């Protein structure tokens, strides 16, 4: 049974930082592209950042470039999102996704809430 469990969300003031984690089990983690998405109330889910299977290739949404850093540790089956200089518009539920483009399969976590407010 595949499980993706996000953690690390919470309430933070503008300009603050948070580190999200996504712990995976039940799959061969190193074979999956990992991505972070977010969804704010009334908005569509959007891709925030992605990382290749070995961690050497990353991509970011323009809105978070220079502020967010995605990383992964294949020995711990865990992906991270370091978020700095947070803005109120970063408030959303953040989801992690595991994507296998060869087998055309993907899995989602349950999400973790991030609220940026003074």
Protein backbone atom coordinates (compact mmCIF):
# COMPACT_ATOMS: atom_id res chain seq x y z
CA UNK A 1 0.00 0.00 0.00
CA UNK A 2 1.48 3.29 -1.12
CA UNK A 3 1.44 6.13 1.37
CA UNK A 4 2.65 9.70 1.06
CA UNK A 5 2.49 11.64 4.31
CA UNK A 6 3.12 15.37 4.37
CA UNK A 7 4.12 17.22 7.52
CA UNK A 8 5.57 20.54 8.61
CA UNK A 9 2.73 22.87 7.75
CA UNK A 10 1.41 25.50 10.11
CA UNK A 11 0.84 29.16 10.76
CA UNK A 12 3.72 31.53 10.07
CA UNK A 13 4.08 35.29 9.79
CA UNK A 14 4.90 36.96 6.47
CA UNK A 15 8.62 36.75 5.84
CA UNK A 16 8.91 33.57 7.88
CA UNK A 17 10.01 30.09 6.93
CA UNK A 18 8.68 26.55 7.00
CA UNK A 19 10.04 23.20 5.96
CA UNK A 20 7.62 20.64 4.59
CA UNK A 21 8.37 16.94 4.44
CA UNK A 22 6.79 14.16 2.42
CA UNK A 23 7.53 10.67 3.69
CA UNK A 24 6.85 7.85 1.22
CA UNK A 25 6.27 4.16 1.82
CA UNK A 26 5.06 1.21 -0.22
CA UNK A 27 6.88 2.24 -3.40
CA UNK A 28 10.41 2.31 -4.80
CA UNK A 29 10.94 5.94 -3.96
CA UNK A 30 14.09 6.48 -6.02
CA UNK A 31 12.19 5.62 -9.22
CA UNK A 32 9.65 8.38 -8.83
CA UNK A 33 9.73 12.00 -9.84
CA UNK A 34 8.46 13.93 -6.82
CA UNK A 35 6.48 17.12 -6.93
CA UNK A 36 4.85 19.62 -4.60
CA UNK A 37 1.50 21.12 -5.49
CA UNK A 38 -0.65 23.59 -3.61
CA UNK A 39 -4.29 24.55 -3.66
CA UNK A 40 -5.76 27.67 -2.15
CA UNK A 41 -9.50 28.05 -1.49
CA UNK A 42 -11.40 28.71 -4.70
CA UNK A 43 -8.33 28.13 -6.87
CA UNK A 44 -7.06 25.26 -8.96
CA UNK A 45 -4.28 23.04 -7.73
CA UNK A 46 -0.96 24.33 -9.04
CA UNK A 47 2.49 22.86 -9.40
CA UNK A 48 4.95 24.49 -7.02
CA UNK A 49 8.15 22.51 -7.55
CA UNK A 50 9.42 19.21 -8.89
CA UNK A 51 12.56 17.12 -8.52
CA UNK A 52 13.97 14.32 -10.62
CA UNK A 53 14.63 10.82 -9.41
CA UNK A 54 18.24 11.50 -8.47
CA UNK A 55 17.66 14.99 -7.16
CA UNK A 56 19.86 16.72 -9.70
CA UNK A 57 17.05 18.24 -11.75
CA UNK A 58 14.59 20.65 -10.19
CA UNK A 59 11.97 23.04 -11.45
CA UNK A 60 9.91 25.76 -9.78
CA UNK A 61 6.88 27.86 -10.42
CA UNK A 62 7.86 31.45 -11.16
CA UNK A 63 6.01 32.61 -8.08
CA UNK A 64 8.33 30.69 -5.74
CA UNK A 65 11.68 30.84 -7.53
CA UNK A 66 14.43 32.09 -5.26
CA UNK A 67 12.31 31.52 -2.14
CA UNK A 68 11.54 27.78 -2.14
CA UNK A 69 13.98 24.88 -2.40
CA UNK A 70 12.95 21.33 -3.16
CA UNK A 71 15.15 18.40 -2.21
CA UNK A 72 14.96 14.67 -1.58
CA UNK A 73 16.77 12.00 0.37
CA UNK A 74 16.40 8.65 -1.37
CA UNK A 75 17.95 6.86 1.61
CA UNK A 76 15.08 8.11 3.78
CA UNK A 77 12.32 7.94 1.14
CA UNK A 78 11.56 11.57 1.90
CA UNK A 79 11.13 14.77 -0.07
CA UNK A 80 11.37 18.27 1.37
CA UNK A 81 10.28 21.79 0.54
CA UNK A 82 12.16 24.58 2.25
CA UNK A 83 10.04 27.71 2.08
CA UNK A 84 11.53 31.10 2.91
CA UNK A 85 10.29 34.69 2.69
CA UNK A 86 6.75 33.43 2.88
CA UNK A 87 3.94 35.64 1.65
CA UNK A 88 0.21 35.57 2.42
CA UNK A 89 -0.39 34.36 -1.13
CA UNK A 90 1.60 31.21 -0.34
CA UNK A 91 -1.21 30.14 1.98
CA UNK A 92 -2.69 26.89 0.72
CA UNK A 93 -2.89 23.18 1.30
CA UNK A 94 0.37 21.68 0.07
CA UNK A 95 0.33 18.21 -1.47
CA UNK A 96 3.13 15.93 -2.51
CA UNK A 97 2.90 13.73 -5.57
CA UNK A 98 4.94 10.74 -6.68
CA UNK A 99 5.03 10.35 -10.45
CA UNK A 100 6.28 7.44 -12.54
CA UNK A 101 6.27 8.56 -16.16
CA UNK A 102 7.20 5.09 -17.46
CA UNK A 103 4.38 3.23 -15.75
CA UNK A 104 2.11 6.29 -15.97
CA UNK A 105 1.17 6.06 -12.30
CA UNK A 106 0.97 8.72 -9.64
CA UNK A 107 0.16 8.93 -5.98
CA UNK A 108 -0.88 11.81 -3.74
CA UNK A 109 -0.55 12.66 -0.10
CA UNK A 110 -3.37 13.99 2.04
CA UNK A 111 -1.97 17.52 2.21
CA UNK A 112 -0.68 19.86 4.89
CA UNK A 113 -2.02 23.34 5.55
CA UNK A 114 0.27 26.35 5.29
CA UNK A 115 -1.11 29.68 6.48
CA UNK A 116 0.91 32.86 6.17
CA UNK A 117 -0.66 35.63 8.21
CA UNK A 118 0.19 38.29 10.73
